[in-house]
Structure formats: structure tokens, C-alpha cells
PDB file of N, CA and C in Angstrom:
ATOM      1  N   MET A   1     117.999 106.968  71.937  1.00  0.00           N
ATOM      2  CA  MET A   1     119.366 106.508  72.005  1.00  0.00           C
ATOM      3  C   MET A   1     119.348 105.003  72.142  1.00  0.00           C
ATOM      4  N   GLN A   2     120.123 104.328  71.310  1.00  0.00           N
ATOM      5  CA  GLN A   2     120.121 102.885  71.251  1.00  0.00           C
ATOM      6  C   GLN A   2     121.424 102.371  71.830  1.00  0.00           C
ATOM      7  N   ALA A   3     121.358 101.568  72.877  1.00  0.00           N
ATOM      8  CA  ALA A   3     122.559 101.049  73.531  1.00  0.00           C
ATOM      9  C   ALA A   3     122.946  99.721  72.920  1.00  0.00           C
ATOM     10  N   MET A   4     124.230  99.523  72.709  1.00  0.00           N
ATOM     11  CA  MET A   4     124.761  98.274  72.186  1.00  0.00           C
ATOM     12  C   MET A   4     125.656  97.668  73.255  1.00  0.00           C
ATOM     13  N   ARG A   5     125.440  96.433  73.641  1.00  0.00           N
ATOM     14  CA  ARG A   5     126.213  95.814  74.691  1.00  0.00           C
ATOM     15  C   ARG A   5     127.212  94.792  74.172  1.00  0.00           C
ATOM     16  N   GLU A   6     127.441  94.728  72.890  1.00  0.00           N
ATOM     17  CA  GLU A   6     128.393  93.773  72.354  1.00  0.00           C
ATOM     18  C   GLU A   6     129.819  94.243  72.609  1.00  0.00           C
ATOM     19  N   PRO A   7     130.744  93.317  72.905  1.00  0.00           N
ATOM     20  CA  PRO A   7     132.118  93.733  73.150  1.00  0.00           C
ATOM     21  C   PRO A   7     132.771  94.185  71.852  1.00  0.00           C
ATOM     22  N   SER A   8     133.580  95.201  71.937  1.00  0.00           N
ATOM     23  CA  SER A   8     134.292  95.704  70.773  1.00  0.00           C
ATOM     24  C   SER A   8     135.416  96.594  71.238  1.00  0.00           C
ATOM     25  N   ARG A   9     136.403  96.764  70.399  1.00  0.00           N
ATOM     26  CA  ARG A   9     137.514  97.649  70.715  1.00  0.00           C
ATOM     27  C   ARG A   9     137.175  99.051  70.250  1.00  0.00           C
ATOM     28  N   ALA A  10     137.735 100.008  70.923  1.00  0.00           N
ATOM     29  CA  ALA A  10     137.580 101.400  70.513  1.00  0.00           C
ATOM     30  C   ALA A  10     138.377 101.619  69.232  1.00  0.00           C
ATOM     31  N   LEU A  11     138.231 102.774  68.615  1.00  0.00           N
ATOM     32  CA  LEU A  11     138.903 103.060  67.347  1.00  0.00           C
ATOM     33  C   LEU A  11     140.411 102.899  67.430  1.00  0.00           C
ATOM     34  N   ASP A  12     141.030 103.305  68.536  1.00  0.00           N
ATOM     35  CA  ASP A  12     142.483 103.191  68.637  1.00  0.00           C
ATOM     36  C   ASP A  12     142.918 101.978  69.457  1.00  0.00           C
ATOM     37  N   GLY A  13     141.975 101.140  69.905  1.00  0.00           N
ATOM     38  CA  GLY A  13     142.298  99.916  70.611  1.00  0.00           C
ATOM     39  C   GLY A  13     142.695 100.099  72.067  1.00  0.00           C
ATOM     40  N   SER A  14     142.607 101.299  72.605  1.00  0.00           N
ATOM     41  CA  SER A  14     143.036 101.529  73.978  1.00  0.00           C
ATOM     42  C   SER A  14     141.834 101.737  74.888  1.00  0.00           C
ATOM     43  N   ARG A  15     142.112 101.879  76.167  1.00  0.00           N
ATOM     44  CA  ARG A  15     141.066 102.127  77.155  1.00  0.00           C
ATOM     45  C   ARG A  15     140.653 103.595  77.121  1.00  0.00           C
ATOM     46  N   PRO A  16     139.407 103.901  77.519  1.00  0.00           N
ATOM     47  CA  PRO A  16     138.963 105.300  77.534  1.00  0.00           C
ATOM     48  C   PRO A  16     139.819 106.162  78.454  1.00  0.00           C
ATOM     49  N   GLN A  17     140.122 107.364  78.007  1.00  0.00           N
ATOM     50  CA  GLN A  17     140.873 108.347  78.782  1.00  0.00           C
ATOM     51  C   GLN A  17     140.028 109.600  78.914  1.00  0.00           C
ATOM     52  N   PRO A  18     140.138 110.323  80.018  1.00  0.00           N
ATOM     53  CA  PRO A  18     139.367 111.559  80.136  1.00  0.00           C
ATOM     54  C   PRO A  18     139.784 112.581  79.089  1.00  0.00           C
ATOM     55  N   ALA A  19     138.825 113.337  78.617  1.00  0.00           N
ATOM     56  CA  ALA A  19     139.110 114.361  77.612  1.00  0.00           C
ATOM     57  C   ALA A  19     138.560 115.691  78.095  1.00  0.00           C
ATOM     58  N   GLY A  20     139.270 116.767  77.812  1.00  0.00           N
ATOM     59  CA  GLY A  20     138.825 118.081  78.250  1.00  0.00           C
ATOM     60  C   GLY A  20     138.096 118.811  77.150  1.00  0.00           C
ATOM     61  N   LEU A  21     137.452 119.884  77.504  1.00  0.00           N
ATOM     62  CA  LEU A  21     136.728 120.712  76.552  1.00  0.00           C
ATOM     63  C   LEU A  21     137.443 122.047  76.480  1.00  0.00           C
ATOM     64  N   ALA A  22     138.179 122.271  75.381  1.00  0.00           N
ATOM     65  CA  ALA A  22     139.013 123.470  75.305  1.00  0.00           C
ATOM     66  C   ALA A  22     138.795 124.258  74.032  1.00  0.00           C
ATOM     67  N   GLY A  23     137.607 124.214  73.450  1.00  0.00           N
ATOM     68  CA  GLY A  23     137.362 124.930  72.199  1.00  0.00           C
ATOM     69  C   GLY A  23     137.630 124.027  71.013  1.00  0.00           C
ATOM     70  N   GLY A  24     136.980 124.280  69.891  1.00  0.00           N
ATOM     71  CA  GLY A  24     137.066 123.353  68.765  1.00  0.00           C
ATOM     72  C   GLY A  24     137.976 123.791  67.651  1.00  0.00           C
ATOM     73  N   GLN A  25     138.361 122.819  66.869  1.00  0.00           N
ATOM     74  CA  GLN A  25     139.073 123.054  65.619  1.00  0.00           C
ATOM     75  C   GLN A  25     138.396 122.166  64.598  1.00  0.00           C
ATOM     76  N   PRO A  26     138.516 122.478  63.316  1.00  0.00           N
ATOM     77  CA  PRO A  26     137.865 121.628  62.322  1.00  0.00           C
ATOM     78  C   PRO A  26     138.352 120.189  62.445  1.00  0.00           C
ATOM     79  N   ALA A  27     137.423 119.239  62.454  1.00  0.00           N
ATOM     80  CA  ALA A  27     137.790 117.833  62.626  1.00  0.00           C
ATOM     81  C   ALA A  27     138.623 117.321  61.455  1.00  0.00           C
ATOM     82  N   SER A  28     138.573 117.974  60.302  1.00  0.00           N
ATOM     83  CA  SER A  28     139.348 117.521  59.160  1.00  0.00           C
ATOM     84  C   SER A  28     140.846 117.631  59.417  1.00  0.00           C
ATOM     85  N   GLU A  29     141.262 118.447  60.397  1.00  0.00           N
ATOM     86  CA  GLU A  29     142.672 118.564  60.733  1.00  0.00           C
ATOM     87  C   GLU A  29     143.097 117.495  61.727  1.00  0.00           C
ATOM     88  N   ALA A  30     142.173 116.681  62.194  1.00  0.00           N
ATOM     89  CA  ALA A  30     142.464 115.651  63.177  1.00  0.00           C
ATOM     90  C   ALA A  30     142.318 114.277  62.535  1.00  0.00           C
ATOM     91  N   GLY A  31     142.308 113.244  63.365  1.00  0.00           N
ATOM     92  CA  GLY A  31     142.226 111.875  62.879  1.00  0.00           C
ATOM     93  C   GLY A  31     140.880 111.503  62.295  1.00  0.00           C
ATOM     94  N   LEU A  32     139.800 111.997  62.848  1.00  0.00           N
ATOM     95  CA  LEU A  32     138.454 111.669  62.363  1.00  0.00           C
ATOM     96  C   LEU A  32     137.821 112.898  61.730  1.00  0.00           C
ATOM     97  N   PRO A  33     137.352 112.770  60.506  1.00  0.00           N
ATOM     98  CA  PRO A  33     136.737 113.930  59.858  1.00  0.00           C
ATOM     99  C   PRO A  33     135.344 114.204  60.413  1.00  0.00           C
ATOM    100  N   SER A  34     134.921 115.423  60.308  1.00  0.00           N
ATOM    101  CA  SER A  34     133.590 115.834  60.731  1.00  0.00           C
ATOM    102  C   SER A  34     132.540 115.074  59.935  1.00  0.00           C
ATOM    103  N   GLY A  35     131.479 114.660  60.615  1.00  0.00           N
ATOM    104  CA  GLY A  35     130.384 113.963  59.946  1.00  0.00           C
ATOM    105  C   GLY A  35     130.470 112.456  59.979  1.00  0.00           C
ATOM    106  N   VAL A  36     131.578 111.882  60.431  1.00  0.00           N
ATOM    107  CA  VAL A  36     131.705 110.432  60.496  1.00  0.00           C
ATOM    108  C   VAL A  36     130.769 109.903  61.579  1.00  0.00           C
ATOM    109  N   ARG A  37     129.943 108.911  61.226  1.00  0.00           N
ATOM    110  CA  ARG A  37     129.018 108.321  62.201  1.00  0.00           C
ATOM    111  C   ARG A  37     129.798 107.444  63.171  1.00  0.00           C
ATOM    112  N   VAL A  38     129.552 107.653  64.467  1.00  0.00           N
ATOM    113  CA  VAL A  38     130.234 106.891  65.510  1.00  0.00           C
ATOM    114  C   VAL A  38     129.242 106.441  66.577  1.00  0.00           C
ATOM    115  N   GLN A  39     129.655 105.444  67.325  1.00  0.00           N
ATOM    116  CA  GLN A  39     128.978 105.068  68.554  1.00  0.00           C
ATOM    117  C   GLN A  39     129.862 105.563  69.679  1.00  0.00           C
ATOM    118  N   ILE A  40     129.258 105.982  70.772  1.00  0.00           N
ATOM    119  CA  ILE A  40     130.046 106.446  71.905  1.00  0.00           C
ATOM    120  C   ILE A  40     129.796 105.543  73.101  1.00  0.00           C
ATOM    121  N   ARG A  41     130.828 105.408  73.944  1.00  0.00           N
ATOM    122  CA  ARG A  41     130.704 104.563  75.129  1.00  0.00           C
ATOM    123  C   ARG A  41     130.028 105.360  76.234  1.00  0.00           C
ATOM    124  N   ASN A  42     128.955 104.781  76.783  1.00  0.00           N
ATOM    125  CA  ASN A  42     128.237 105.379  77.894  1.00  0.00           C
ATOM    126  C   ASN A  42     129.146 105.348  79.112  1.00  0.00           C
ATOM    127  N   ARG A  43     129.405 106.486  79.719  1.00  0.00           N
ATOM    128  CA  ARG A  43     130.318 106.554  80.863  1.00  0.00           C
ATOM    129  C   ARG A  43     129.705 105.986  82.135  1.00  0.00           C
ATOM    130  N   PHE A  44     128.394 105.750  82.142  1.00  0.00           N
ATOM    131  CA  PHE A  44     127.738 105.207  83.331  1.00  0.00           C
ATOM    132  C   PHE A  44     127.865 103.690  83.388  1.00  0.00           C
ATOM    133  N   ASP A  45     127.470 102.999  82.304  1.00  0.00           N
ATOM    134  CA  ASP A  45     127.486 101.537  82.335  1.00  0.00           C
ATOM    135  C   ASP A  45     128.423 100.894  81.309  1.00  0.00           C
ATOM    136  N   GLY A  46     129.111 101.687  80.505  1.00  0.00           N
ATOM    137  CA  GLY A  46     130.079 101.151  79.546  1.00  0.00           C
ATOM    138  C   GLY A  46     129.471 100.617  78.258  1.00  0.00           C
ATOM    139  N   ALA A  47     128.150 100.720  78.081  1.00  0.00           N
ATOM    140  CA  ALA A  47     127.504 100.240  76.857  1.00  0.00           C
ATOM    141  C   ALA A  47     127.778 101.206  75.704  1.00  0.00           C
ATOM    142  N   TRP A  48     127.727 100.694  74.477  1.00  0.00           N
ATOM    143  CA  TRP A  48     127.900 101.522  73.292  1.00  0.00           C
ATOM    144  C   TRP A  48     126.552 102.085  72.876  1.00  0.00           C
ATOM    145  N   ALA A  49     126.507 103.370  72.540  1.00  0.00           N
ATOM    146  CA  ALA A  49     125.280 104.041  72.106  1.00  0.00           C
ATOM    147  C   ALA A  49     125.461 104.546  70.679  1.00  0.00           C
ATOM    148  N   ALA A  50     124.523 104.200  69.809  1.00  0.00           N
ATOM    149  CA  ALA A  50     124.561 104.607  68.408  1.00  0.00           C
ATOM    150  C   ALA A  50     123.815 105.928  68.225  1.00  0.00           C
ATOM    151  N   GLY A  51     123.979 106.525  67.050  1.00  0.00           N
ATOM    152  CA  GLY A  51     123.222 107.728  66.721  1.00  0.00           C
ATOM    153  C   GLY A  51     123.995 109.019  66.913  1.00  0.00           C
ATOM    154  N   TYR A  52     125.309 108.990  66.725  1.00  0.00           N
ATOM    155  CA  TYR A  52     126.149 110.178  66.902  1.00  0.00           C
ATOM    156  C   TYR A  52     127.075 110.334  65.705  1.00  0.00           C
ATOM    157  N   GLU A  53     127.594 111.548  65.533  1.00  0.00           N
ATOM    158  CA  GLU A  53     128.598 111.812  64.506  1.00  0.00           C
ATOM    159  C   GLU A  53     129.627 112.789  65.052  1.00  0.00           C
ATOM    160  N   VAL A  54     130.839 112.726  64.500  1.00  0.00           N
ATOM    161  CA  VAL A  54     131.908 113.633  64.920  1.00  0.00           C
ATOM    162  C   VAL A  54     131.532 115.041  64.482  1.00  0.00           C
ATOM    163  N   PHE A  55     131.639 115.988  65.400  1.00  0.00           N
ATOM    164  CA  PHE A  55     131.347 117.389  65.089  1.00  0.00           C
ATOM    165  C   PHE A  55     132.641 118.185  64.922  1.00  0.00           C
ATOM    166  N   ALA A  56     133.560 118.098  65.902  1.00  0.00           N
ATOM    167  CA  ALA A  56     134.814 118.851  65.835  1.00  0.00           C
ATOM    168  C   ALA A  56     135.859 118.186  66.724  1.00  0.00           C
ATOM    169  N   ALA A  57     137.121 118.304  66.333  1.00  0.00           N
ATOM    170  CA  ALA A  57     138.233 117.824  67.147  1.00  0.00           C
ATOM    171  C   ALA A  57     138.649 118.917  68.125  1.00  0.00           C
ATOM    172  N   GLN A  58     139.142 118.519  69.280  1.00  0.00           N
ATOM    173  CA  GLN A  58     139.583 119.456  70.305  1.00  0.00           C
ATOM    174  C   GLN A  58     141.095 119.613  70.251  1.00  0.00           C
ATOM    175  N   PRO A  59     141.636 120.820  70.424  1.00  0.00           N
ATOM    176  CA  PRO A  59     143.082 121.035  70.364  1.00  0.00           C
ATOM    177  C   PRO A  59     143.851 120.212  71.394  1.00  0.00           C
ATOM    178  N   GLY A  60     143.279 120.012  72.580  1.00  0.00           N
ATOM    179  CA  GLY A  60     143.949 119.239  73.620  1.00  0.00           C
ATOM    180  C   GLY A  60     143.688 117.752  73.519  1.00  0.00           C
ATOM    181  N   GLY A  61     142.999 117.296  72.507  1.00  0.00           N
ATOM    182  CA  GLY A  61     142.649 115.894  72.327  1.00  0.00           C
ATOM    183  C   GLY A  61     141.166 115.673  72.552  1.00  0.00           C
ATOM    184  N   GLY A  62     140.641 114.674  71.933  1.00  0.00           N
ATOM    185  CA  GLY A  62     139.234 114.356  72.052  1.00  0.00           C
ATOM    186  C   GLY A  62     138.400 115.000  70.950  1.00  0.00           C
ATOM    187  N   TYR A  63     137.121 114.671  70.957  1.00  0.00           N
ATOM    188  CA  TYR A  63     136.197 115.123  69.916  1.00  0.00           C
ATOM    189  C   TYR A  63     134.879 115.556  70.532  1.00  0.00           C
ATOM    190  N   LEU A  64     134.280 116.575  69.945  1.00  0.00           N
ATOM    191  CA  LEU A  64     132.894 116.902  70.240  1.00  0.00           C
ATOM    192  C   LEU A  64     132.042 116.062  69.303  1.00  0.00           C
ATOM    193  N   VAL A  65     130.928 115.525  69.810  1.00  0.00           N
ATOM    194  CA  VAL A  65     130.039 114.725  68.982  1.00  0.00           C
ATOM    195  C   VAL A  65     128.648 115.350  68.981  1.00  0.00           C
ATOM    196  N   ARG A  66     127.906 115.037  67.920  1.00  0.00           N
ATOM    197  CA  ARG A  66     126.556 115.583  67.744  1.00  0.00           C
ATOM    198  C   ARG A  66     125.584 114.419  67.593  1.00  0.00           C
ATOM    199  N   ARG A  67     124.432 114.517  68.278  1.00  0.00           N
ATOM    200  CA  ARG A  67     123.370 113.523  68.106  1.00  0.00           C
ATOM    201  C   ARG A  67     122.777 113.698  66.719  1.00  0.00           C
ATOM    202  N   THR A  68     122.581 112.600  66.006  1.00  0.00           N
ATOM    203  CA  THR A  68     122.009 112.698  64.665  1.00  0.00           C
ATOM    204  C   THR A  68     120.504 112.921  64.701  1.00  0.00           C
ATOM    205  N   SER A  69     119.838 112.565  65.788  1.00  0.00           N
ATOM    206  CA  SER A  69     118.379 112.704  65.854  1.00  0.00           C
ATOM    207  C   SER A  69     117.933 114.162  65.912  1.00  0.00           C
ATOM    208  N   ASP A  70     118.629 114.996  66.690  1.00  0.00           N
ATOM    209  CA  ASP A  70     118.217 116.400  66.825  1.00  0.00           C
ATOM    210  C   ASP A  70     119.352 117.389  66.543  1.00  0.00           C
ATOM    211  N   HIS A  71     120.505 116.897  66.111  1.00  0.00           N
ATOM    212  CA  HIS A  71     121.679 117.701  65.756  1.00  0.00           C
ATOM    213  C   HIS A  71     122.232 118.509  66.927  1.00  0.00           C
ATOM    214  N   SER A  72     121.966 118.067  68.163  1.00  0.00           N
ATOM    215  CA  SER A  72     122.523 118.740  69.344  1.00  0.00           C
ATOM    216  C   SER A  72     123.955 118.279  69.580  1.00  0.00           C
ATOM    217  N   VAL A  73     124.842 119.238  69.833  1.00  0.00           N
ATOM    218  CA  VAL A  73     126.230 118.923  70.157  1.00  0.00           C
ATOM    219  C   VAL A  73     126.311 118.663  71.653  1.00  0.00           C
ATOM    220  N   LEU A  74     126.890 117.521  72.039  1.00  0.00           N
ATOM    221  CA  LEU A  74     127.015 117.202  73.457  1.00  0.00           C
ATOM    222  C   LEU A  74     128.023 118.146  74.107  1.00  0.00           C
ATOM    223  N   PRO A  75     127.810 118.529  75.364  1.00  0.00           N
ATOM    224  CA  PRO A  75     128.655 119.541  76.021  1.00  0.00           C
ATOM    225  C   PRO A  75     129.994 119.025  76.546  1.00  0.00           C
ATOM    226  N   ILE A  76     130.324 117.758  76.303  1.00  0.00           N
ATOM    227  CA  ILE A  76     131.602 117.207  76.760  1.00  0.00           C
ATOM    228  C   ILE A  76     132.335 116.592  75.583  1.00  0.00           C
ATOM    229  N   ALA A  77     133.653 116.501  75.691  1.00  0.00           N
ATOM    230  CA  ALA A  77     134.464 115.892  74.644  1.00  0.00           C
ATOM    231  C   ALA A  77     134.665 114.418  74.953  1.00  0.00           C
ATOM    232  N   PHE A  78     134.834 113.627  73.904  1.00  0.00           N
ATOM    233  CA  PHE A  78     135.071 112.197  74.032  1.00  0.00           C
ATOM    234  C   PHE A  78     136.438 111.864  73.465  1.00  0.00           C
ATOM    235  N   ALA A  79     137.183 111.032  74.181  1.00  0.00           N
ATOM    236  CA  ALA A  79     138.466 110.545  73.680  1.00  0.00           C
ATOM    237  C   ALA A  79     138.202 109.557  72.546  1.00  0.00           C
ATOM    238  N   GLU A  80     139.174 109.375  71.670  1.00  0.00           N
ATOM    239  CA  GLU A  80     139.016 108.443  70.561  1.00  0.00           C
ATOM    240  C   GLU A  80     138.744 107.034  71.074  1.00  0.00           C
ATOM    241  N   ALA A  81     139.269 106.700  72.246  1.00  0.00           N
ATOM    242  CA  ALA A  81     139.047 105.386  72.840  1.00  0.00           C
ATOM    243  C   ALA A  81     137.601 105.191  73.297  1.00  0.00           C
ATOM    244  N   GLU A  82     136.838 106.278  73.417  1.00  0.00           N
ATOM    245  CA  GLU A  82     135.442 106.197  73.836  1.00  0.00           C
ATOM    246  C   GLU A  82     134.489 106.195  72.643  1.00  0.00           C
ATOM    247  N   MET A  83     135.039 106.053  71.433  1.00  0.00           N
ATOM    248  CA  MET A  83     134.222 106.055  70.226  1.00  0.00           C
ATOM    249  C   MET A  83     134.618 104.878  69.355  1.00  0.00           C
ATOM    250  N   ARG A  84     133.651 104.415  68.551  1.00  0.00           N
ATOM    251  CA  ARG A  84     133.943 103.427  67.517  1.00  0.00           C
ATOM    252  C   ARG A  84     133.070 103.757  66.316  1.00  0.00           C
ATOM    253  N   LEU A  85     133.504 103.332  65.139  1.00  0.00           N
ATOM    254  CA  LEU A  85     132.734 103.600  63.931  1.00  0.00           C
ATOM    255  C   LEU A  85     131.370 102.934  64.032  1.00  0.00           C
ATOM    256  N   ASP A  86     130.348 103.628  63.561  1.00  0.00           N
ATOM    257  CA  ASP A  86     128.980 103.112  63.595  1.00  0.00           C
ATOM    258  C   ASP A  86     128.652 102.563  62.215  1.00  0.00           C
ATOM    259  N   PRO A  87     128.512 101.242  62.101  1.00  0.00           N
ATOM    260  CA  PRO A  87     128.175 100.701  60.780  1.00  0.00           C
ATOM    261  C   PRO A  87     126.773 101.117  60.381  1.00  0.00           C
ATOM    262  N   VAL A  88     126.624 101.555  59.154  1.00  0.00           N
ATOM    263  CA  VAL A  88     125.325 101.976  58.636  1.00  0.00           C
ATOM    264  C   VAL A  88     124.721 100.779  57.904  1.00  0.00           C
ATOM    265  N   PRO A  89     123.506 100.339  58.269  1.00  0.00           N
ATOM    266  CA  PRO A  89     122.907  99.172  57.611  1.00  0.00           C
ATOM    267  C   PRO A  89     122.601  99.456  56.140  1.00  0.00           C
ATOM    268  N   LEU A  90     122.701  98.413  55.347  1.00  0.00           N
ATOM    269  CA  LEU A  90     122.380  98.527  53.924  1.00  0.00           C
ATOM    270  C   LEU A  90     120.871  98.598  53.748  1.00  0.00           C
ATOM    271  N   PRO A  91     120.408  99.254  52.686  1.00  0.00           N
ATOM    272  CA  PRO A  91     118.964  99.270  52.405  1.00  0.00           C
ATOM    273  C   PRO A  91     118.458  97.843  52.179  1.00  0.00           C
ATOM    274  N   ALA A  92     117.187  97.595  52.398  1.00  0.00           N
ATOM    275  CA  ALA A  92     116.606  96.261  52.280  1.00  0.00           C
ATOM    276  C   ALA A  92     116.821  95.683  50.893  1.00  0.00           C
ATOM    277  N   ALA A  93     116.722  96.507  49.846  1.00  0.00           N
ATOM    278  CA  ALA A  93     116.889  96.007  48.469  1.00  0.00           C
ATOM    279  C   ALA A  93     118.303  95.493  48.248  1.00  0.00           C
ATOM    280  N   ALA A  94     119.301  96.074  48.879  1.00  0.00           N
ATOM    281  CA  ALA A  94     120.680  95.652  48.688  1.00  0.00           C
ATOM    282  C   ALA A  94     120.951  94.323  49.376  1.00  0.00           C
ATOM    283  N   ASP A  95     120.170  93.965  50.402  1.00  0.00           N
ATOM    284  CA  ASP A  95     120.375  92.700  51.109  1.00  0.00           C
ATOM    285  C   ASP A  95     120.036  91.498  50.227  1.00  0.00           C
ATOM    286  N   SER A  96     119.141  91.660  49.265  1.00  0.00           N
ATOM    287  CA  SER A  96     118.701  90.536  48.447  1.00  0.00           C
ATOM    288  C   SER A  96     119.369  90.516  47.068  1.00  0.00           C
ATOM    289  N   TRP A  97     120.438  91.252  46.880  1.00  0.00           N
ATOM    290  CA  TRP A  97     121.108  91.323  45.596  1.00  0.00           C
ATOM    291  C   TRP A  97     121.754  89.993  45.249  1.00  0.00           C
ATOM    292  N   SER A  98     121.686  89.615  43.985  1.00  0.00           N
ATOM    293  CA  SER A  98     122.384  88.430  43.476  1.00  0.00           C
ATOM    294  C   SER A  98     122.839  88.742  42.060  1.00  0.00           C
ATOM    295  N   PRO A  99     123.947  88.118  41.638  1.00  0.00           N
ATOM    296  CA  PRO A  99     124.437  88.404  40.273  1.00  0.00           C
ATOM    297  C   PRO A  99     123.454  87.930  39.219  1.00  0.00           C
ATOM    298  N   ALA A 100     123.475  88.611  38.078  1.00  0.00           N
ATOM    299  CA  ALA A 100     122.595  88.238  36.979  1.00  0.00           C
ATOM    300  C   ALA A 100     123.026  86.891  36.404  1.00  0.00           C
ATOM    301  N   VAL A 101     122.070  86.063  36.105  1.00  0.00           N
ATOM    302  CA  VAL A 101     122.347  84.738  35.530  1.00  0.00           C
ATOM    303  C   VAL A 101     122.107  84.822  34.033  1.00  0.00           C
ATOM    304  N   ALA A 102     123.108  84.416  33.258  1.00  0.00           N
ATOM    305  CA  ALA A 102     122.983  84.515  31.798  1.00  0.00           C
ATOM    306  C   ALA A 102     122.435  83.251  31.204  1.00  0.00           C
TER     307      ALA A 102
END
């Protein structure tokens, strides 16, 4: 798990709110679709942790997330304010791209 300590706003721009675990519904019916890579806020020290994806939306609010390393679903729900989109780095070859010169 990789912690990120850079300041950033959550997806909805608000402060984290507690979320309950009340059974899942397909995330496609909610704001974030299933499979979207996200970082989650560590509830202990407030740092951002990468390596997660949305698994399912909760009927009472919040999302279940899954670790991408071992595909384990975390046993607690996260509010949208406790998540932010995880930028995926470009492949090394794409970093050195330049337009063709005629």
C-alpha cells in the first residue's frame, strides 16, 4: 500500500463523513462505476493510499472498495469524500512522444 501525503480535495470536495455497510448494489447505478481506480483516505493519519478500485455502491451511501494487488474487498464502506480518482501513469514510451517532423 502506497501512501500519498499531498494535499488534495476529495471527489465531491467535502470533508469525510462516516459511511455504513448495508449490503451492495451495482456501482453503475451510483455516481462512481465499478472498476474505477481510486485512492482512499487513511482514517488513522489522513494520508491518501493508492491501489484501490470501486467494487460496489451502498444503498445507504458510500462505496465498497477492492485492493488491486490481491482483489480483496475491504470490510468497510467509504464515503465519496474519502476517495479521489487515482491517476494511472502513462507507459514510458508515451512520455517521450513527439510529433513527426516533415
